[in-house]
Amino acid sequence: SEPMGRKKRFYRHTPQQIQELEAMF
């Protein structure tokens, strides 16, 4: 949803968050 002209933002997740998301996926 970031506008094209603005610098893109990236969100880093912790290993625990990734593990929970993968399990749910």
PDB file of all heavy atoms in Angstrom:
ATOM      1  N   SER A   1       0.814  -1.218   0.000  1.00  0.00           N
ATOM      2  CA  SER A   1       0.000   0.000   0.000  1.00  0.00           C
ATOM      3  C   SER A   1       0.844   1.263   0.000  1.00  0.00           C
ATOM      4  O   SER A   1       0.314   2.366  -0.057  1.00  0.00           O
ATOM      5  CB  SER A   1      -0.930   0.004   1.222  1.00  0.00           C
ATOM      6  OG  SER A   1      -0.159   0.036   2.416  1.00  0.00           O
ATOM      7  N   GLU A   2       2.193   1.116   0.098  1.00  0.00           N
ATOM      8  CA  GLU A   2       3.054   2.291   0.117  1.00  0.00           C
ATOM      9  C   GLU A   2       3.010   2.987  -1.243  1.00  0.00           C
ATOM     10  O   GLU A   2       3.019   2.336  -2.285  1.00  0.00           O
ATOM     11  CB  GLU A   2       4.503   1.878   0.421  1.00  0.00           C
ATOM     12  CG  GLU A   2       4.716   1.417   1.854  1.00  0.00           C
ATOM     13  CD  GLU A   2       4.625   2.564   2.846  1.00  0.00           C
ATOM     14  OE1 GLU A   2       4.791   3.717   2.425  1.00  0.00           O
ATOM     15  OE2 GLU A   2       4.363   2.312   4.035  1.00  0.00           O
ATOM     16  N   PRO A   3       2.977   4.312  -1.287  1.00  0.00           N
ATOM     17  CA  PRO A   3       3.003   5.037  -2.569  1.00  0.00           C
ATOM     18  C   PRO A   3       4.279   4.724  -3.342  1.00  0.00           C
ATOM     19  O   PRO A   3       5.318   4.430  -2.763  1.00  0.00           O
ATOM     20  CB  PRO A   3       2.941   6.508  -2.153  1.00  0.00           C
ATOM     21  CG  PRO A   3       2.388   6.491  -0.760  1.00  0.00           C
ATOM     22  CD  PRO A   3       2.848   5.207  -0.128  1.00  0.00           C
ATOM     23  N   MET A   4       4.209   4.818  -4.708  1.00  0.00           N
ATOM     24  CA  MET A   4       5.329   4.436  -5.565  1.00  0.00           C
ATOM     25  C   MET A   4       6.525   5.356  -5.367  1.00  0.00           C
ATOM     26  O   MET A   4       7.662   4.938  -5.497  1.00  0.00           O
ATOM     27  CB  MET A   4       4.884   4.470  -7.040  1.00  0.00           C
ATOM     28  CG  MET A   4       3.819   3.427  -7.376  1.00  0.00           C
ATOM     29  SD  MET A   4       4.424   1.759  -7.154  1.00  0.00           S
ATOM     30  CE  MET A   4       5.660   1.714  -8.425  1.00  0.00           C
ATOM     31  N   GLY A   5       6.290   6.621  -5.088  1.00  0.00           N
ATOM     32  CA  GLY A   5       7.400   7.568  -4.978  1.00  0.00           C
ATOM     33  C   GLY A   5       8.134   7.512  -3.655  1.00  0.00           C
ATOM     34  O   GLY A   5       9.223   8.049  -3.532  1.00  0.00           O
ATOM     35  N   ARG A   6       7.543   6.897  -2.647  1.00  0.00           N
ATOM     36  CA  ARG A   6       8.160   6.879  -1.320  1.00  0.00           C
ATOM     37  C   ARG A   6       9.031   5.656  -1.139  1.00  0.00           C
ATOM     38  O   ARG A   6       8.872   4.641  -1.805  1.00  0.00           O
ATOM     39  CB  ARG A   6       7.070   6.903  -0.241  1.00  0.00           C
ATOM     40  CG  ARG A   6       6.261   8.202  -0.251  1.00  0.00           C
ATOM     41  CD  ARG A   6       5.128   8.136   0.763  1.00  0.00           C
ATOM     42  NE  ARG A   6       5.643   7.878   2.110  1.00  0.00           N
ATOM     43  CZ  ARG A   6       4.859   7.724   3.177  1.00  0.00           C
ATOM     44  NH1 ARG A   6       3.539   7.811   3.048  1.00  0.00           N
ATOM     45  NH2 ARG A   6       5.386   7.490   4.358  1.00  0.00           N
ATOM     46  N   LYS A   7       9.971   5.734  -0.218  1.00  0.00           N
ATOM     47  CA  LYS A   7      10.845   4.615   0.062  1.00  0.00           C
ATOM     48  C   LYS A   7      10.058   3.480   0.686  1.00  0.00           C
ATOM     49  O   LYS A   7       9.258   3.677   1.592  1.00  0.00           O
ATOM     50  CB  LYS A   7      11.964   5.062   1.011  1.00  0.00           C
ATOM     51  CG  LYS A   7      13.025   3.998   1.227  1.00  0.00           C
ATOM     52  CD  LYS A   7      14.155   4.530   2.089  1.00  0.00           C
ATOM     53  CE  LYS A   7      15.223   3.463   2.307  1.00  0.00           C
ATOM     54  NZ  LYS A   7      16.318   3.959   3.143  1.00  0.00           N
ATOM     55  N   LYS A   8      10.274   2.270   0.160  1.00  0.00           N
ATOM     56  CA  LYS A   8       9.504   1.113   0.617  1.00  0.00           C
ATOM     57  C   LYS A   8       9.972   0.670   2.004  1.00  0.00           C
ATOM     58  O   LYS A   8      11.163   0.668   2.300  1.00  0.00           O
ATOM     59  CB  LYS A   8       9.651  -0.032  -0.386  1.00  0.00           C
ATOM     60  CG  LYS A   8       9.120   0.329  -1.773  1.00  0.00           C
ATOM     61  CD  LYS A   8       9.360  -0.797  -2.749  1.00  0.00           C
ATOM     62  CE  LYS A   8       8.850  -0.425  -4.139  1.00  0.00           C
ATOM     63  NZ  LYS A   8       9.084  -1.490  -5.112  1.00  0.00           N
ATOM     64  N   ARG A   9       8.992   0.260   2.841  1.00  0.00           N
ATOM     65  CA  ARG A   9       9.305  -0.192   4.202  1.00  0.00           C
ATOM     66  C   ARG A   9       9.183  -1.706   4.276  1.00  0.00           C
ATOM     67  O   ARG A   9       8.260  -2.303   3.723  1.00  0.00           O
ATOM     68  CB  ARG A   9       8.349   0.452   5.210  1.00  0.00           C
ATOM     69  CG  ARG A   9       8.531   1.967   5.333  1.00  0.00           C
ATOM     70  CD  ARG A   9       7.604   2.509   6.410  1.00  0.00           C
ATOM     71  NE  ARG A   9       6.205   2.263   6.065  1.00  0.00           N
ATOM     72  CZ  ARG A   9       5.196   2.404   6.919  1.00  0.00           C
ATOM     73  NH1 ARG A   9       5.439   2.760   8.180  1.00  0.00           N
ATOM     74  NH2 ARG A   9       3.959   2.182   6.536  1.00  0.00           N
ATOM     75  N   PHE A  10      10.097  -2.330   4.950  1.00  0.00           N
ATOM     76  CA  PHE A  10      10.082  -3.774   5.149  1.00  0.00           C
ATOM     77  C   PHE A  10       9.971  -4.057   6.655  1.00  0.00           C
ATOM     78  O   PHE A  10      10.580  -3.365   7.478  1.00  0.00           O
ATOM     79  CB  PHE A  10      11.367  -4.418   4.597  1.00  0.00           C
ATOM     80  CG  PHE A  10      11.457  -4.376   3.101  1.00  0.00           C
ATOM     81  CD1 PHE A  10      11.987  -3.259   2.462  1.00  0.00           C
ATOM     82  CD2 PHE A  10      10.999  -5.428   2.325  1.00  0.00           C
ATOM     83  CE1 PHE A  10      12.067  -3.201   1.101  1.00  0.00           C
ATOM     84  CE2 PHE A  10      11.078  -5.381   0.951  1.00  0.00           C
ATOM     85  CZ  PHE A  10      11.613  -4.267   0.343  1.00  0.00           C
ATOM     86  N   TYR A  11       9.200  -5.088   6.982  1.00  0.00           N
ATOM     87  CA  TYR A  11       8.984  -5.477   8.383  1.00  0.00           C
ATOM     88  C   TYR A  11       9.665  -6.814   8.624  1.00  0.00           C
ATOM     89  O   TYR A  11       9.390  -7.798   7.943  1.00  0.00           O
ATOM     90  CB  TYR A  11       7.487  -5.596   8.675  1.00  0.00           C
ATOM     91  CG  TYR A  11       6.728  -4.302   8.423  1.00  0.00           C
ATOM     92  CD1 TYR A  11       6.048  -4.111   7.234  1.00  0.00           C
ATOM     93  CD2 TYR A  11       6.702  -3.292   9.383  1.00  0.00           C
ATOM     94  CE1 TYR A  11       5.366  -2.934   6.992  1.00  0.00           C
ATOM     95  CE2 TYR A  11       6.015  -2.111   9.145  1.00  0.00           C
ATOM     96  CZ  TYR A  11       5.341  -1.931   7.955  1.00  0.00           C
ATOM     97  OH  TYR A  11       4.669  -0.778   7.712  1.00  0.00           O
ATOM     98  N   ARG A  12      10.562  -6.826   9.607  1.00  0.00           N
ATOM     99  CA  ARG A  12      11.289  -8.041   9.964  1.00  0.00           C
ATOM    100  C   ARG A  12      10.540  -8.766  11.080  1.00  0.00           C
ATOM    101  O   ARG A  12      10.057  -8.158  12.023  1.00  0.00           O
ATOM    102  CB  ARG A  12      12.699  -7.685  10.451  1.00  0.00           C
ATOM    103  CG  ARG A  12      13.451  -6.734   9.543  1.00  0.00           C
ATOM    104  CD  ARG A  12      13.742  -7.342   8.199  1.00  0.00           C
ATOM    105  NE  ARG A  12      14.636  -8.479   8.296  1.00  0.00           N
ATOM    106  CZ  ARG A  12      15.094  -9.170   7.259  1.00  0.00           C
ATOM    107  NH1 ARG A  12      14.707  -8.821   6.033  1.00  0.00           N
ATOM    108  NH2 ARG A  12      15.903 -10.190   7.429  1.00  0.00           N
ATOM    109  N   HIS A  13      10.425 -10.064  10.956  1.00  0.00           N
ATOM    110  CA  HIS A  13       9.760 -10.893  11.961  1.00  0.00           C
ATOM    111  C   HIS A  13      10.790 -11.709  12.724  1.00  0.00           C
ATOM    112  O   HIS A  13      11.837 -12.081  12.187  1.00  0.00           O
ATOM    113  CB  HIS A  13       8.754 -11.831  11.309  1.00  0.00           C
ATOM    114  CG  HIS A  13       7.696 -11.110  10.518  1.00  0.00           C
ATOM    115  ND1 HIS A  13       7.031 -10.012  11.000  1.00  0.00           N
ATOM    116  CD2 HIS A  13       7.195 -11.349   9.280  1.00  0.00           C
ATOM    117  CE1 HIS A  13       6.153  -9.591  10.104  1.00  0.00           C
ATOM    118  NE2 HIS A  13       6.247 -10.384   9.036  1.00  0.00           N
ATOM    119  N   THR A  14      10.435 -12.024  13.961  1.00  0.00           N
ATOM    120  CA  THR A  14      11.311 -12.846  14.793  1.00  0.00           C
ATOM    121  C   THR A  14      11.147 -14.302  14.392  1.00  0.00           C
ATOM    122  O   THR A  14      10.139 -14.691  13.770  1.00  0.00           O
ATOM    123  CB  THR A  14      10.959 -12.675  16.273  1.00  0.00           C
ATOM    124  OG1 THR A  14       9.631 -13.178  16.494  1.00  0.00           O
ATOM    125  CG2 THR A  14      11.023 -11.199  16.678  1.00  0.00           C
ATOM    126  N   PRO A  15      12.119 -15.147  14.724  1.00  0.00           N
ATOM    127  CA  PRO A  15      11.989 -16.581  14.406  1.00  0.00           C
ATOM    128  C   PRO A  15      10.728 -17.203  15.012  1.00  0.00           C
ATOM    129  O   PRO A  15      10.101 -18.073  14.390  1.00  0.00           O
ATOM    130  CB  PRO A  15      13.262 -17.181  14.991  1.00  0.00           C
ATOM    131  CG  PRO A  15      14.252 -16.065  14.976  1.00  0.00           C
ATOM    132  CD  PRO A  15      13.463 -14.821  15.261  1.00  0.00           C
ATOM    133  N   GLN A  16      10.353 -16.768  16.235  1.00  0.00           N
ATOM    134  CA  GLN A  16       9.148 -17.328  16.854  1.00  0.00           C
ATOM    135  C   GLN A  16       7.903 -16.939  16.055  1.00  0.00           C
ATOM    136  O   GLN A  16       7.008 -17.769  15.844  1.00  0.00           O
ATOM    137  CB  GLN A  16       9.036 -16.824  18.301  1.00  0.00           C
ATOM    138  CG  GLN A  16       7.806 -17.366  19.028  1.00  0.00           C
ATOM    139  CD  GLN A  16       7.675 -16.832  20.446  1.00  0.00           C
ATOM    140  OE1 GLN A  16       8.513 -16.039  20.879  1.00  0.00           O
ATOM    141  NE2 GLN A  16       6.652 -17.267  21.157  1.00  0.00           N
ATOM    142  N   GLN A  17       7.821 -15.683  15.601  1.00  0.00           N
ATOM    143  CA  GLN A  17       6.673 -15.249  14.814  1.00  0.00           C
ATOM    144  C   GLN A  17       6.590 -16.034  13.502  1.00  0.00           C
ATOM    145  O   GLN A  17       5.509 -16.471  13.086  1.00  0.00           O
ATOM    146  CB  GLN A  17       6.778 -13.752  14.528  1.00  0.00           C
ATOM    147  CG  GLN A  17       6.579 -12.864  15.748  1.00  0.00           C
ATOM    148  CD  GLN A  17       6.861 -11.403  15.455  1.00  0.00           C
ATOM    149  OE1 GLN A  17       7.635 -11.095  14.544  1.00  0.00           O
ATOM    150  NE2 GLN A  17       6.277 -10.502  16.239  1.00  0.00           N
ATOM    151  N   ILE A  18       7.738 -16.220  12.845  1.00  0.00           N
ATOM    152  CA  ILE A  18       7.747 -16.962  11.578  1.00  0.00           C
ATOM    153  C   ILE A  18       7.302 -18.394  11.792  1.00  0.00           C
ATOM    154  O   ILE A  18       6.532 -18.961  11.007  1.00  0.00           O
ATOM    155  CB  ILE A  18       9.157 -16.916  10.960  1.00  0.00           C
ATOM    156  CG1 ILE A  18       9.512 -15.470  10.579  1.00  0.00           C
ATOM    157  CG2 ILE A  18       9.249 -17.823   9.738  1.00  0.00           C
ATOM    158  CD1 ILE A  18      10.930 -15.295  10.108  1.00  0.00           C
ATOM    159  N   GLN A  19       7.751 -19.012  12.892  1.00  0.00           N
ATOM    160  CA  GLN A  19       7.376 -20.396  13.177  1.00  0.00           C
ATOM    161  C   GLN A  19       5.871 -20.520  13.370  1.00  0.00           C
ATOM    162  O   GLN A  19       5.229 -21.448  12.847  1.00  0.00           O
ATOM    163  CB  GLN A  19       8.132 -20.884  14.410  1.00  0.00           C
ATOM    164  CG  GLN A  19       7.884 -22.351  14.743  1.00  0.00           C
ATOM    165  CD  GLN A  19       8.704 -22.804  15.937  1.00  0.00           C
ATOM    166  OE1 GLN A  19       9.429 -22.010  16.547  1.00  0.00           O
ATOM    167  NE2 GLN A  19       8.580 -24.071  16.277  1.00  0.00           N
ATOM    168  N   GLU A  20       5.271 -19.580  14.103  1.00  0.00           N
ATOM    169  CA  GLU A  20       3.830 -19.621  14.337  1.00  0.00           C
ATOM    170  C   GLU A  20       3.057 -19.379  13.032  1.00  0.00           C
ATOM    171  O   GLU A  20       2.034 -20.023  12.766  1.00  0.00           O
ATOM    172  CB  GLU A  20       3.452 -18.556  15.378  1.00  0.00           C
ATOM    173  CG  GLU A  20       3.989 -18.829  16.775  1.00  0.00           C
ATOM    174  CD  GLU A  20       3.303 -20.034  17.423  1.00  0.00           C
ATOM    175  OE1 GLU A  20       2.180 -20.384  17.009  1.00  0.00           O
ATOM    176  OE2 GLU A  20       3.923 -20.640  18.326  1.00  0.00           O
ATOM    177  N   LEU A  21       3.537 -18.452  12.210  1.00  0.00           N
ATOM    178  CA  LEU A  21       2.861 -18.169  10.940  1.00  0.00           C
ATOM    179  C   LEU A  21       2.939 -19.364   9.987  1.00  0.00           C
ATOM    180  O   LEU A  21       1.964 -19.706   9.296  1.00  0.00           O
ATOM    181  CB  LEU A  21       3.477 -16.931  10.282  1.00  0.00           C
ATOM    182  CG  LEU A  21       3.201 -15.592  10.982  1.00  0.00           C
ATOM    183  CD1 LEU A  21       4.065 -14.496  10.380  1.00  0.00           C
ATOM    184  CD2 LEU A  21       1.727 -15.220  10.871  1.00  0.00           C
ATOM    185  N   GLU A  22       4.101 -20.020   9.944  1.00  0.00           N
ATOM    186  CA  GLU A  22       4.259 -21.187   9.080  1.00  0.00           C
ATOM    187  C   GLU A  22       3.342 -22.322   9.525  1.00  0.00           C
ATOM    188  O   GLU A  22       2.736 -23.013   8.697  1.00  0.00           O
ATOM    189  CB  GLU A  22       5.722 -21.654   9.095  1.00  0.00           C
ATOM    190  CG  GLU A  22       6.693 -20.724   8.398  1.00  0.00           C
ATOM    191  CD  GLU A  22       6.603 -20.853   6.887  1.00  0.00           C
ATOM    192  OE1 GLU A  22       5.800 -21.653   6.393  1.00  0.00           O
ATOM    193  OE2 GLU A  22       7.331 -20.107   6.198  1.00  0.00           O
ATOM    194  N   ALA A  23       3.248 -22.505  10.839  1.00  0.00           N
ATOM    195  CA  ALA A  23       2.370 -23.563  11.350  1.00  0.00           C
ATOM    196  C   ALA A  23       0.915 -23.288  10.992  1.00  0.00           C
ATOM    197  O   ALA A  23       0.164 -24.197  10.597  1.00  0.00           O
ATOM    198  CB  ALA A  23       2.543 -23.682  12.859  1.00  0.00           C
ATOM    199  N   MET A  24       0.506 -22.035  11.090  1.00  0.00           N
ATOM    200  CA  MET A  24      -0.865 -21.681  10.733  1.00  0.00           C
ATOM    201  C   MET A  24      -1.103 -21.823   9.229  1.00  0.00           C
ATOM    202  O   MET A  24      -2.182 -22.241   8.795  1.00  0.00           O
ATOM    203  CB  MET A  24      -1.137 -20.234  11.180  1.00  0.00           C
ATOM    204  CG  MET A  24      -2.575 -19.778  10.935  1.00  0.00           C
ATOM    205  SD  MET A  24      -3.757 -20.801  11.866  1.00  0.00           S
ATOM    206  CE  MET A  24      -5.297 -20.118  11.249  1.00  0.00           C
ATOM    207  N   PHE A  25      -0.067 -21.501   8.407  1.00  0.00           N
ATOM    208  CA  PHE A  25      -0.214 -21.595   6.948  1.00  0.00           C
ATOM    209  C   PHE A  25      -0.437 -23.034   6.497  1.00  0.00           C
ATOM    210  O   PHE A  25      -1.189 -23.297   5.549  1.00  0.00           O
ATOM    211  CB  PHE A  25       1.031 -21.014   6.266  1.00  0.00           C
ATOM    212  CG  PHE A  25       0.927 -20.958   4.768  1.00  0.00           C
ATOM    213  CD1 PHE A  25       0.263 -19.913   4.143  1.00  0.00           C
ATOM    214  CD2 PHE A  25       1.474 -21.961   3.983  1.00  0.00           C
ATOM    215  CE1 PHE A  25       0.161 -19.855   2.767  1.00  0.00           C
ATOM    216  CE2 PHE A  25       1.373 -21.917   2.615  1.00  0.00           C
ATOM    217  CZ  PHE A  25       0.715 -20.858   2.001  1.00  0.00           C
TER     218      PHE A  25
END
